[in-house]
N, C-alpha and C. Protein backbone atom coordinates (compact mmCIF):
# COMPACT_ATOMS: atom_id res chain seq x y z
N UNK A 1 -30.82 -24.15 23.56
CA UNK A 1 -29.60 -24.43 22.84
C UNK A 1 -29.32 -23.34 21.80
N UNK A 2 -30.38 -22.88 21.10
CA UNK A 2 -30.19 -21.85 20.10
C UNK A 2 -29.68 -20.56 20.74
N UNK A 3 -30.17 -20.27 21.95
CA UNK A 3 -29.73 -19.08 22.65
C UNK A 3 -28.24 -19.16 22.99
N UNK A 4 -27.77 -20.35 23.37
CA UNK A 4 -26.35 -20.55 23.69
C UNK A 4 -25.50 -20.36 22.43
N UNK A 5 -25.95 -20.93 21.30
CA UNK A 5 -25.21 -20.78 20.05
C UNK A 5 -25.13 -19.30 19.65
N UNK A 6 -26.23 -18.58 19.77
CA UNK A 6 -26.25 -17.16 19.42
C UNK A 6 -25.29 -16.39 20.32
N UNK A 7 -25.28 -16.72 21.61
CA UNK A 7 -24.39 -16.03 22.54
C UNK A 7 -22.93 -16.32 22.21
N UNK A 8 -22.61 -17.57 21.87
CA UNK A 8 -21.23 -17.94 21.54
C UNK A 8 -20.79 -17.23 20.26
N UNK A 9 -21.63 -17.25 19.22
CA UNK A 9 -21.29 -16.58 17.96
C UNK A 9 -21.14 -15.08 18.20
N UNK A 10 -22.05 -14.48 18.97
CA UNK A 10 -21.95 -13.05 19.27
C UNK A 10 -20.66 -12.74 20.00
N UNK A 11 -20.29 -13.58 20.94
CA UNK A 11 -19.05 -13.38 21.69
C UNK A 11 -17.83 -13.49 20.78
N UNK A 12 -17.86 -14.45 19.85
CA UNK A 12 -16.73 -14.60 18.92
C UNK A 12 -16.62 -13.38 18.03
N UNK A 13 -17.75 -12.88 17.52
CA UNK A 13 -17.72 -11.70 16.67
C UNK A 13 -17.18 -10.49 17.42
N UNK A 14 -17.57 -10.36 18.68
CA UNK A 14 -17.08 -9.23 19.46
C UNK A 14 -15.58 -9.36 19.71
N UNK A 15 -15.08 -10.58 19.83
CA UNK A 15 -13.66 -10.79 20.08
C UNK A 15 -12.82 -10.49 18.84
N UNK A 16 -13.29 -10.93 17.67
CA UNK A 16 -12.49 -10.72 16.45
C UNK A 16 -12.96 -9.53 15.64
N UNK A 17 -14.13 -9.02 15.92
CA UNK A 17 -14.69 -7.91 15.16
C UNK A 17 -13.79 -6.70 15.05
N UNK A 18 -13.17 -6.26 16.15
CA UNK A 18 -12.30 -5.09 16.04
C UNK A 18 -11.12 -5.30 15.09
N UNK A 19 -10.74 -6.56 14.85
CA UNK A 19 -9.63 -6.83 13.93
C UNK A 19 -10.04 -6.85 12.48
N UNK A 20 -11.34 -6.87 12.22
CA UNK A 20 -11.82 -6.87 10.85
C UNK A 20 -11.86 -5.44 10.35
N UNK A 21 -11.15 -5.17 9.29
CA UNK A 21 -11.11 -3.82 8.74
C UNK A 21 -11.65 -3.88 7.32
N UNK A 22 -12.65 -3.09 7.05
CA UNK A 22 -13.17 -3.01 5.70
C UNK A 22 -12.43 -1.90 4.97
N UNK A 23 -11.99 -2.20 3.76
CA UNK A 23 -11.27 -1.19 2.98
C UNK A 23 -12.22 -0.06 2.62
N UNK A 24 -11.69 1.15 2.64
CA UNK A 24 -12.48 2.29 2.19
C UNK A 24 -12.77 2.11 0.71
N UNK A 25 -13.99 2.34 0.30
CA UNK A 25 -14.28 2.21 -1.12
C UNK A 25 -13.55 3.30 -1.90
N UNK A 26 -13.14 2.94 -3.12
CA UNK A 26 -12.55 3.96 -3.98
C UNK A 26 -13.52 4.20 -5.12
N UNK A 27 -13.46 5.36 -5.64
CA UNK A 27 -14.34 5.73 -6.75
C UNK A 27 -14.00 4.91 -7.98
N UNK A 28 -14.94 4.85 -8.94
CA UNK A 28 -14.69 4.14 -10.19
C UNK A 28 -13.92 4.99 -11.18
N UNK A 29 -14.02 6.32 -11.04
CA UNK A 29 -13.24 7.20 -11.91
C UNK A 29 -13.13 8.56 -11.26
N UNK A 30 -12.17 9.33 -11.78
CA UNK A 30 -11.98 10.65 -11.21
C UNK A 30 -10.85 11.40 -11.89
N UNK A 31 -10.64 12.59 -11.40
CA UNK A 31 -9.50 13.42 -11.82
C UNK A 31 -8.75 13.75 -10.55
N UNK A 32 -7.48 13.37 -10.49
CA UNK A 32 -6.69 13.52 -9.28
C UNK A 32 -5.39 14.25 -9.56
N UNK A 33 -5.25 15.46 -9.04
CA UNK A 33 -3.95 16.13 -9.14
C UNK A 33 -3.06 15.63 -8.00
N UNK A 34 -1.87 15.19 -8.35
CA UNK A 34 -0.92 14.77 -7.32
C UNK A 34 0.50 15.08 -7.76
N UNK A 35 1.42 15.10 -6.79
CA UNK A 35 2.84 15.36 -7.05
C UNK A 35 3.63 14.15 -6.58
N UNK A 36 4.60 13.73 -7.39
CA UNK A 36 5.55 12.73 -6.95
C UNK A 36 6.87 13.44 -6.66
N UNK A 37 7.40 13.23 -5.47
CA UNK A 37 8.67 13.81 -5.05
C UNK A 37 9.75 12.76 -5.34
N UNK A 38 10.52 12.98 -6.42
CA UNK A 38 11.46 11.97 -6.92
C UNK A 38 12.92 12.30 -6.62
N UNK A 39 13.70 11.26 -6.42
CA UNK A 39 15.16 11.28 -6.47
C UNK A 39 15.53 10.41 -7.66
N UNK A 40 16.33 10.97 -8.60
CA UNK A 40 16.78 10.24 -9.78
C UNK A 40 18.22 9.78 -9.58
N UNK A 41 18.46 8.51 -9.87
CA UNK A 41 19.80 7.93 -9.76
C UNK A 41 20.22 7.43 -11.13
N UNK A 42 21.33 7.96 -11.68
CA UNK A 42 21.81 7.41 -12.93
C UNK A 42 22.39 6.02 -12.69
N UNK A 43 21.96 5.05 -13.48
CA UNK A 43 22.40 3.67 -13.31
C UNK A 43 23.55 3.35 -14.26
N UNK A 44 23.40 3.76 -15.50
CA UNK A 44 24.42 3.46 -16.51
C UNK A 44 24.28 4.47 -17.64
N UNK A 45 25.41 4.85 -18.25
CA UNK A 45 25.38 5.77 -19.40
C UNK A 45 26.17 5.20 -20.55
N UNK A 46 25.72 5.53 -21.73
CA UNK A 46 26.42 5.21 -22.96
C UNK A 46 26.66 6.55 -23.63
N UNK A 47 27.92 6.95 -23.73
CA UNK A 47 28.24 8.27 -24.28
C UNK A 47 29.15 8.13 -25.48
N UNK A 48 28.80 8.85 -26.54
CA UNK A 48 29.64 8.97 -27.72
C UNK A 48 29.94 10.45 -27.86
N UNK A 49 31.17 10.89 -27.51
CA UNK A 49 31.50 12.32 -27.54
C UNK A 49 31.13 12.96 -28.88
N UNK A 50 30.45 14.10 -28.76
CA UNK A 50 30.04 14.85 -29.94
C UNK A 50 28.78 14.33 -30.61
N UNK A 51 28.30 13.14 -30.23
CA UNK A 51 27.10 12.59 -30.87
C UNK A 51 25.92 12.44 -29.93
N UNK A 52 26.19 12.00 -28.72
CA UNK A 52 25.06 11.89 -27.81
C UNK A 52 25.31 10.99 -26.63
N UNK A 53 24.31 11.00 -25.74
CA UNK A 53 24.36 10.21 -24.52
C UNK A 53 22.99 9.57 -24.29
N UNK A 54 23.02 8.33 -23.87
CA UNK A 54 21.82 7.64 -23.40
C UNK A 54 22.11 7.21 -21.97
N UNK A 55 21.20 7.57 -21.05
CA UNK A 55 21.42 7.27 -19.64
C UNK A 55 20.21 6.52 -19.09
N UNK A 56 20.48 5.38 -18.47
CA UNK A 56 19.46 4.62 -17.78
C UNK A 56 19.32 5.22 -16.38
N UNK A 57 18.07 5.58 -16.00
CA UNK A 57 17.80 6.22 -14.72
C UNK A 57 16.85 5.37 -13.88
N UNK A 58 17.04 5.41 -12.59
CA UNK A 58 16.07 4.88 -11.65
C UNK A 58 15.54 6.06 -10.85
N UNK A 59 14.23 6.14 -10.70
CA UNK A 59 13.62 7.22 -9.92
C UNK A 59 12.81 6.59 -8.79
N UNK A 60 13.01 7.11 -7.58
CA UNK A 60 12.29 6.64 -6.40
C UNK A 60 11.66 7.83 -5.71
N UNK A 61 10.46 7.65 -5.19
CA UNK A 61 9.83 8.76 -4.50
C UNK A 61 8.52 8.37 -3.85
N UNK A 62 7.81 9.41 -3.41
CA UNK A 62 6.49 9.24 -2.80
C UNK A 62 5.53 10.23 -3.42
N UNK A 63 4.23 9.92 -3.31
CA UNK A 63 3.21 10.77 -3.91
C UNK A 63 2.45 11.55 -2.84
N UNK A 64 1.85 12.65 -3.30
CA UNK A 64 1.02 13.49 -2.44
C UNK A 64 -0.16 13.99 -3.26
N UNK A 65 -1.39 13.59 -2.89
CA UNK A 65 -2.59 14.09 -3.56
C UNK A 65 -2.79 15.54 -3.17
N UNK A 66 -2.93 16.41 -4.16
CA UNK A 66 -3.00 17.85 -3.90
C UNK A 66 -4.38 18.31 -3.41
N UNK A 67 -5.40 17.43 -3.48
CA UNK A 67 -6.72 17.78 -2.94
C UNK A 67 -6.98 17.08 -1.60
N UNK A 68 -5.98 16.35 -1.09
CA UNK A 68 -6.14 15.65 0.18
C UNK A 68 -6.95 14.38 0.08
N UNK A 69 -7.19 13.90 -1.13
CA UNK A 69 -7.95 12.66 -1.33
C UNK A 69 -7.03 11.45 -1.18
N UNK A 70 -7.62 10.26 -1.02
CA UNK A 70 -6.84 9.04 -0.83
C UNK A 70 -6.21 8.54 -2.14
N UNK A 71 -6.87 8.77 -3.28
CA UNK A 71 -6.36 8.26 -4.55
C UNK A 71 -5.03 8.95 -4.87
N UNK A 72 -4.02 8.19 -5.17
CA UNK A 72 -2.68 8.66 -5.51
C UNK A 72 -2.01 9.41 -4.36
N UNK A 73 -2.38 9.12 -3.12
CA UNK A 73 -1.77 9.80 -1.98
C UNK A 73 -0.94 8.81 -1.17
N UNK A 74 0.22 9.25 -0.74
CA UNK A 74 1.11 8.47 0.13
C UNK A 74 1.42 7.10 -0.48
N UNK A 75 1.69 7.09 -1.77
CA UNK A 75 2.09 5.86 -2.46
C UNK A 75 3.60 5.92 -2.70
N UNK A 76 4.23 4.77 -2.72
CA UNK A 76 5.64 4.74 -3.11
C UNK A 76 5.69 4.66 -4.63
N UNK A 77 6.70 5.29 -5.20
CA UNK A 77 6.84 5.33 -6.66
C UNK A 77 8.23 4.84 -7.03
N UNK A 78 8.27 3.99 -8.05
CA UNK A 78 9.55 3.53 -8.59
C UNK A 78 9.44 3.49 -10.10
N UNK A 79 10.40 4.14 -10.76
CA UNK A 79 10.40 4.21 -12.22
C UNK A 79 11.76 3.82 -12.76
N UNK A 80 11.75 3.30 -13.97
CA UNK A 80 12.95 3.08 -14.75
C UNK A 80 12.77 3.88 -16.02
N UNK A 81 13.82 4.62 -16.42
CA UNK A 81 13.69 5.49 -17.59
C UNK A 81 14.97 5.49 -18.41
N UNK A 82 14.82 5.82 -19.68
CA UNK A 82 15.94 6.01 -20.58
C UNK A 82 15.92 7.46 -21.02
N UNK A 83 16.99 8.19 -20.70
CA UNK A 83 17.13 9.58 -21.09
C UNK A 83 18.07 9.64 -22.30
N UNK A 84 17.57 10.20 -23.40
CA UNK A 84 18.34 10.30 -24.64
C UNK A 84 18.62 11.77 -24.93
N UNK A 85 19.88 12.09 -25.19
CA UNK A 85 20.30 13.44 -25.56
C UNK A 85 21.24 13.29 -26.75
N UNK A 86 20.69 13.40 -27.95
CA UNK A 86 21.48 13.20 -29.17
C UNK A 86 21.07 14.22 -30.22
N UNK A 87 21.86 15.27 -30.35
CA UNK A 87 21.53 16.32 -31.31
C UNK A 87 20.18 16.91 -30.99
N UNK A 88 19.26 16.92 -31.97
CA UNK A 88 17.94 17.50 -31.72
C UNK A 88 17.03 16.58 -30.89
N UNK A 89 17.41 15.34 -30.69
CA UNK A 89 16.59 14.40 -29.93
C UNK A 89 16.96 14.46 -28.45
N UNK A 90 16.01 14.95 -27.65
CA UNK A 90 16.18 15.02 -26.21
C UNK A 90 14.84 14.59 -25.59
N UNK A 91 14.84 13.42 -24.99
CA UNK A 91 13.60 12.92 -24.40
C UNK A 91 13.91 11.89 -23.33
N UNK A 92 12.87 11.58 -22.54
CA UNK A 92 12.94 10.52 -21.54
C UNK A 92 11.68 9.67 -21.68
N UNK A 93 11.87 8.37 -21.81
CA UNK A 93 10.78 7.39 -21.85
C UNK A 93 10.98 6.41 -20.70
N UNK A 94 9.89 5.86 -20.19
CA UNK A 94 10.05 4.89 -19.12
C UNK A 94 8.75 4.28 -18.65
N UNK A 95 8.84 3.64 -17.51
CA UNK A 95 7.69 2.99 -16.89
C UNK A 95 7.79 3.13 -15.38
N UNK A 96 6.62 3.21 -14.73
CA UNK A 96 6.56 3.41 -13.27
C UNK A 96 5.57 2.46 -12.62
N UNK A 97 5.82 2.18 -11.35
CA UNK A 97 4.89 1.45 -10.51
C UNK A 97 4.66 2.27 -9.24
N UNK A 98 3.39 2.52 -8.94
CA UNK A 98 3.00 3.13 -7.68
C UNK A 98 2.43 2.03 -6.80
N UNK A 99 2.80 2.00 -5.52
CA UNK A 99 2.28 0.98 -4.60
C UNK A 99 1.71 1.67 -3.37
N UNK A 100 0.54 1.19 -2.92
CA UNK A 100 -0.05 1.75 -1.71
C UNK A 100 0.29 0.88 -0.50
N UNK A 101 -0.21 1.25 0.66
CA UNK A 101 0.13 0.54 1.89
C UNK A 101 -0.42 -0.88 1.93
N UNK A 102 -1.43 -1.18 1.11
CA UNK A 102 -1.97 -2.54 1.02
C UNK A 102 -1.15 -3.42 0.08
N UNK A 103 -0.19 -2.81 -0.64
CA UNK A 103 0.59 -3.56 -1.62
C UNK A 103 -0.04 -3.59 -3.01
N UNK A 104 -1.19 -2.91 -3.17
CA UNK A 104 -1.82 -2.83 -4.48
C UNK A 104 -1.03 -1.83 -5.34
N UNK A 105 -0.96 -2.12 -6.65
CA UNK A 105 -0.09 -1.35 -7.52
C UNK A 105 -0.80 -0.78 -8.74
N UNK A 106 -0.25 0.34 -9.24
CA UNK A 106 -0.69 0.97 -10.49
C UNK A 106 0.53 1.04 -11.39
N UNK A 107 0.39 0.59 -12.65
CA UNK A 107 1.50 0.57 -13.61
C UNK A 107 1.24 1.60 -14.70
N UNK A 108 2.29 2.33 -15.08
CA UNK A 108 2.15 3.30 -16.18
C UNK A 108 3.44 3.37 -16.98
N UNK A 109 3.29 3.83 -18.21
CA UNK A 109 4.43 4.15 -19.05
C UNK A 109 4.41 5.66 -19.25
N UNK A 110 5.55 6.23 -19.65
CA UNK A 110 5.55 7.67 -19.91
C UNK A 110 6.49 8.02 -21.05
N UNK A 111 6.22 9.19 -21.63
CA UNK A 111 6.95 9.68 -22.79
C UNK A 111 6.97 11.21 -22.71
N UNK A 112 8.17 11.81 -22.69
CA UNK A 112 8.25 13.27 -22.61
C UNK A 112 8.02 13.94 -23.96
N UNK A 113 7.87 13.15 -25.03
CA UNK A 113 7.52 13.75 -26.33
C UNK A 113 6.02 13.87 -26.49
N UNK A 114 5.25 13.19 -25.64
CA UNK A 114 3.78 13.20 -25.69
C UNK A 114 3.27 14.25 -24.70
N UNK A 115 3.10 15.49 -25.15
CA UNK A 115 2.67 16.59 -24.30
C UNK A 115 1.22 16.94 -24.63
N UNK A 116 0.38 17.02 -23.58
CA UNK A 116 -1.03 17.38 -23.74
C UNK A 116 -1.13 18.89 -23.88
N UNK A 117 -1.33 19.37 -25.10
CA UNK A 117 -1.37 20.82 -25.38
C UNK A 117 -2.56 21.51 -24.71
N UNK A 118 -3.60 20.74 -24.33
CA UNK A 118 -4.76 21.35 -23.69
C UNK A 118 -4.48 21.71 -22.23
N UNK A 119 -3.35 21.25 -21.68
CA UNK A 119 -2.99 21.56 -20.30
C UNK A 119 -1.57 22.17 -20.31
N UNK A 120 -1.46 23.45 -20.64
CA UNK A 120 -0.14 24.08 -20.81
C UNK A 120 0.78 23.98 -19.58
N UNK A 121 0.22 23.91 -18.39
CA UNK A 121 1.05 23.81 -17.19
C UNK A 121 1.70 22.43 -17.07
N UNK A 122 1.12 21.44 -17.73
CA UNK A 122 1.65 20.07 -17.69
C UNK A 122 2.46 19.85 -18.97
N UNK A 123 3.60 20.51 -19.04
CA UNK A 123 4.33 20.63 -20.29
C UNK A 123 5.55 19.72 -20.42
N UNK A 124 5.62 18.66 -19.63
CA UNK A 124 6.81 17.81 -19.66
C UNK A 124 6.58 16.47 -20.34
N UNK A 125 5.34 15.97 -20.35
CA UNK A 125 5.05 14.68 -20.96
C UNK A 125 3.75 14.11 -20.45
N UNK A 126 3.54 12.82 -20.74
CA UNK A 126 2.31 12.16 -20.34
C UNK A 126 2.58 10.72 -19.92
N UNK A 127 2.02 10.34 -18.78
CA UNK A 127 1.96 8.94 -18.36
C UNK A 127 0.68 8.34 -18.93
N UNK A 128 0.75 7.09 -19.32
CA UNK A 128 -0.44 6.33 -19.69
C UNK A 128 -0.56 5.19 -18.69
N UNK A 129 -1.65 5.19 -17.93
CA UNK A 129 -1.89 4.12 -16.95
C UNK A 129 -2.37 2.89 -17.72
N UNK A 130 -1.64 1.79 -17.55
CA UNK A 130 -1.94 0.58 -18.33
C UNK A 130 -2.53 -0.55 -17.51
N UNK A 131 -2.62 -0.39 -16.18
CA UNK A 131 -3.24 -1.45 -15.38
C UNK A 131 -2.86 -1.34 -13.92
N UNK A 132 -3.39 -2.29 -13.16
CA UNK A 132 -3.11 -2.30 -11.74
C UNK A 132 -3.46 -3.63 -11.12
N UNK A 133 -3.16 -3.77 -9.82
CA UNK A 133 -3.47 -4.98 -9.08
C UNK A 133 -4.40 -4.63 -7.93
N UNK A 134 -5.01 -5.66 -7.34
CA UNK A 134 -5.90 -5.45 -6.19
C UNK A 134 -7.02 -4.49 -6.52
N UNK A 135 -7.21 -3.48 -5.67
CA UNK A 135 -8.30 -2.53 -5.87
C UNK A 135 -8.14 -1.71 -7.14
N UNK A 136 -6.93 -1.70 -7.72
CA UNK A 136 -6.69 -0.95 -8.95
C UNK A 136 -6.78 -1.81 -10.21
N UNK A 137 -7.17 -3.08 -10.08
CA UNK A 137 -7.30 -3.95 -11.25
C UNK A 137 -8.28 -3.31 -12.23
N UNK A 138 -7.89 -3.22 -13.49
CA UNK A 138 -8.74 -2.63 -14.52
C UNK A 138 -8.57 -1.13 -14.68
N UNK A 139 -7.61 -0.51 -13.96
CA UNK A 139 -7.44 0.94 -14.06
C UNK A 139 -6.76 1.32 -15.38
N UNK A 140 -7.23 2.41 -15.95
CA UNK A 140 -6.62 3.02 -17.12
C UNK A 140 -6.65 4.53 -16.90
N UNK A 141 -5.89 5.24 -17.71
CA UNK A 141 -5.94 6.69 -17.58
C UNK A 141 -4.79 7.38 -18.27
N UNK A 142 -4.85 8.69 -18.19
CA UNK A 142 -3.85 9.56 -18.79
C UNK A 142 -3.40 10.57 -17.74
N UNK A 143 -2.08 10.78 -17.67
CA UNK A 143 -1.51 11.65 -16.65
C UNK A 143 -0.54 12.66 -17.27
N UNK A 144 -1.03 13.76 -17.82
CA UNK A 144 -0.09 14.81 -18.23
C UNK A 144 0.70 15.26 -17.00
N UNK A 145 1.99 15.56 -17.20
CA UNK A 145 2.81 15.95 -16.06
C UNK A 145 3.76 17.09 -16.40
N UNK A 146 4.23 17.76 -15.35
CA UNK A 146 5.23 18.81 -15.45
C UNK A 146 6.50 18.31 -14.77
N UNK A 147 7.61 18.98 -15.01
CA UNK A 147 8.89 18.64 -14.40
C UNK A 147 9.44 19.87 -13.69
N UNK A 148 9.49 19.82 -12.36
CA UNK A 148 9.97 20.95 -11.57
C UNK A 148 11.26 20.55 -10.86
N UNK A 149 12.41 20.96 -11.41
CA UNK A 149 13.69 20.59 -10.79
C UNK A 149 13.80 21.13 -9.37
N UNK A 150 14.43 20.36 -8.53
CA UNK A 150 14.71 20.75 -7.15
C UNK A 150 16.19 21.09 -7.05
N UNK A 151 16.63 21.70 -5.94
CA UNK A 151 18.05 21.99 -5.78
C UNK A 151 18.89 20.72 -5.91
N UNK A 152 20.12 20.89 -6.39
CA UNK A 152 21.01 19.75 -6.57
C UNK A 152 21.28 19.03 -5.26
N UNK A 153 21.51 17.74 -5.35
CA UNK A 153 21.81 16.94 -4.17
C UNK A 153 23.30 16.97 -3.90
N UNK A 154 23.67 17.02 -2.65
CA UNK A 154 25.08 17.03 -2.26
C UNK A 154 25.71 15.66 -2.52
N UNK A 155 27.01 15.67 -2.75
CA UNK A 155 27.74 14.42 -2.89
C UNK A 155 27.88 13.97 -4.32
N UNK A 156 28.62 12.90 -4.46
CA UNK A 156 28.91 12.34 -5.79
C UNK A 156 27.78 11.43 -6.26
N UNK A 157 27.86 11.03 -7.50
CA UNK A 157 26.92 10.03 -8.03
C UNK A 157 25.95 10.57 -9.04
N UNK A 158 25.86 11.89 -9.21
CA UNK A 158 24.98 12.45 -10.23
C UNK A 158 23.50 12.38 -9.90
N UNK A 159 23.15 12.21 -8.62
CA UNK A 159 21.75 12.16 -8.22
C UNK A 159 21.11 13.52 -8.41
N UNK A 160 19.84 13.53 -8.83
CA UNK A 160 19.08 14.76 -8.95
C UNK A 160 17.72 14.56 -8.31
N UNK A 161 17.05 15.66 -8.01
CA UNK A 161 15.72 15.61 -7.40
C UNK A 161 14.76 16.44 -8.25
N UNK A 162 13.51 16.01 -8.28
CA UNK A 162 12.51 16.71 -9.07
C UNK A 162 11.13 16.42 -8.50
N UNK A 163 10.30 17.45 -8.48
CA UNK A 163 8.87 17.25 -8.19
C UNK A 163 8.16 17.13 -9.53
N UNK A 164 7.32 16.10 -9.65
CA UNK A 164 6.58 15.86 -10.88
C UNK A 164 5.08 15.96 -10.58
N UNK A 165 4.47 17.13 -10.83
CA UNK A 165 3.01 17.23 -10.66
C UNK A 165 2.30 16.54 -11.82
N UNK A 166 1.23 15.83 -11.50
CA UNK A 166 0.40 15.11 -12.48
C UNK A 166 -1.03 15.63 -12.39
N UNK A 167 -1.74 15.61 -13.48
CA UNK A 167 -3.17 15.88 -13.48
C UNK A 167 -3.82 14.66 -14.13
N UNK A 168 -4.22 13.72 -13.30
CA UNK A 168 -4.59 12.38 -13.74
C UNK A 168 -6.09 12.20 -13.91
N UNK A 169 -6.49 11.80 -15.11
CA UNK A 169 -7.87 11.36 -15.37
C UNK A 169 -7.81 9.84 -15.44
N UNK A 170 -8.52 9.16 -14.55
CA UNK A 170 -8.42 7.70 -14.45
C UNK A 170 -9.80 7.08 -14.33
N UNK A 171 -9.85 5.77 -14.64
CA UNK A 171 -11.10 5.01 -14.53
C UNK A 171 -10.75 3.56 -14.25
N UNK A 172 -11.52 2.94 -13.35
CA UNK A 172 -11.37 1.52 -13.05
C UNK A 172 -12.58 0.81 -13.63
N UNK A 173 -12.34 -0.11 -14.56
CA UNK A 173 -13.42 -0.83 -15.24
C UNK A 173 -13.39 -2.30 -14.85
N UNK A 174 -14.55 -2.93 -14.93
CA UNK A 174 -14.64 -4.37 -14.77
C UNK A 174 -14.45 -4.88 -13.37
N UNK A 175 -14.69 -4.06 -12.36
CA UNK A 175 -14.52 -4.50 -10.98
C UNK A 175 -15.58 -3.83 -10.11
N UNK A 176 -16.14 -4.60 -9.19
CA UNK A 176 -17.06 -4.00 -8.23
C UNK A 176 -16.25 -3.18 -7.26
N UNK A 177 -16.74 -2.02 -6.93
CA UNK A 177 -16.02 -1.13 -6.00
C UNK A 177 -16.58 -1.33 -4.60
N UNK A 178 -15.78 -0.94 -3.63
CA UNK A 178 -16.23 -0.99 -2.24
C UNK A 178 -15.39 -1.97 -1.46
N UNK A 179 -16.05 -2.93 -0.81
CA UNK A 179 -15.34 -3.87 0.07
C UNK A 179 -14.43 -4.76 -0.75
N UNK A 180 -13.35 -5.17 -0.12
CA UNK A 180 -12.41 -6.09 -0.75
C UNK A 180 -12.54 -7.44 -0.11
């Protein structure tokens, strides 16, 4: 009888085994250079002639890890930002969500007035990673970034494109790594 049970269980495992996928383990911390390829859409503007403009922007794009690693690669990116241009004050602040193919997310805020002087090439601002879901639960980090404008987009609507390279130092705390 035990032999029959073993054979049945073995047969069941062989039938469903190929459908079981173990997630690739991710490191607990690292430094990941990646680029987000963004399209910016102006949502709404408040303009006072001669004094300034505040524009609400939505940015959508995808990421590409520059070392070919899985972290921060092929993720969808969505950001909401406020661009302020008023006399000497010119900055963009906002928040972003990166999502991977599993639906796990990384959340960050950013400020173009916060520039990491130790990384002169990353001269546009800094993202602060404030958390994540799924395999990214407990993630924190800092992402100095640059702003590389792309050619203007055809058509109306004020859409613009930009590549945003990041040099991200990140760490995931309080979670066992590996299988999910």
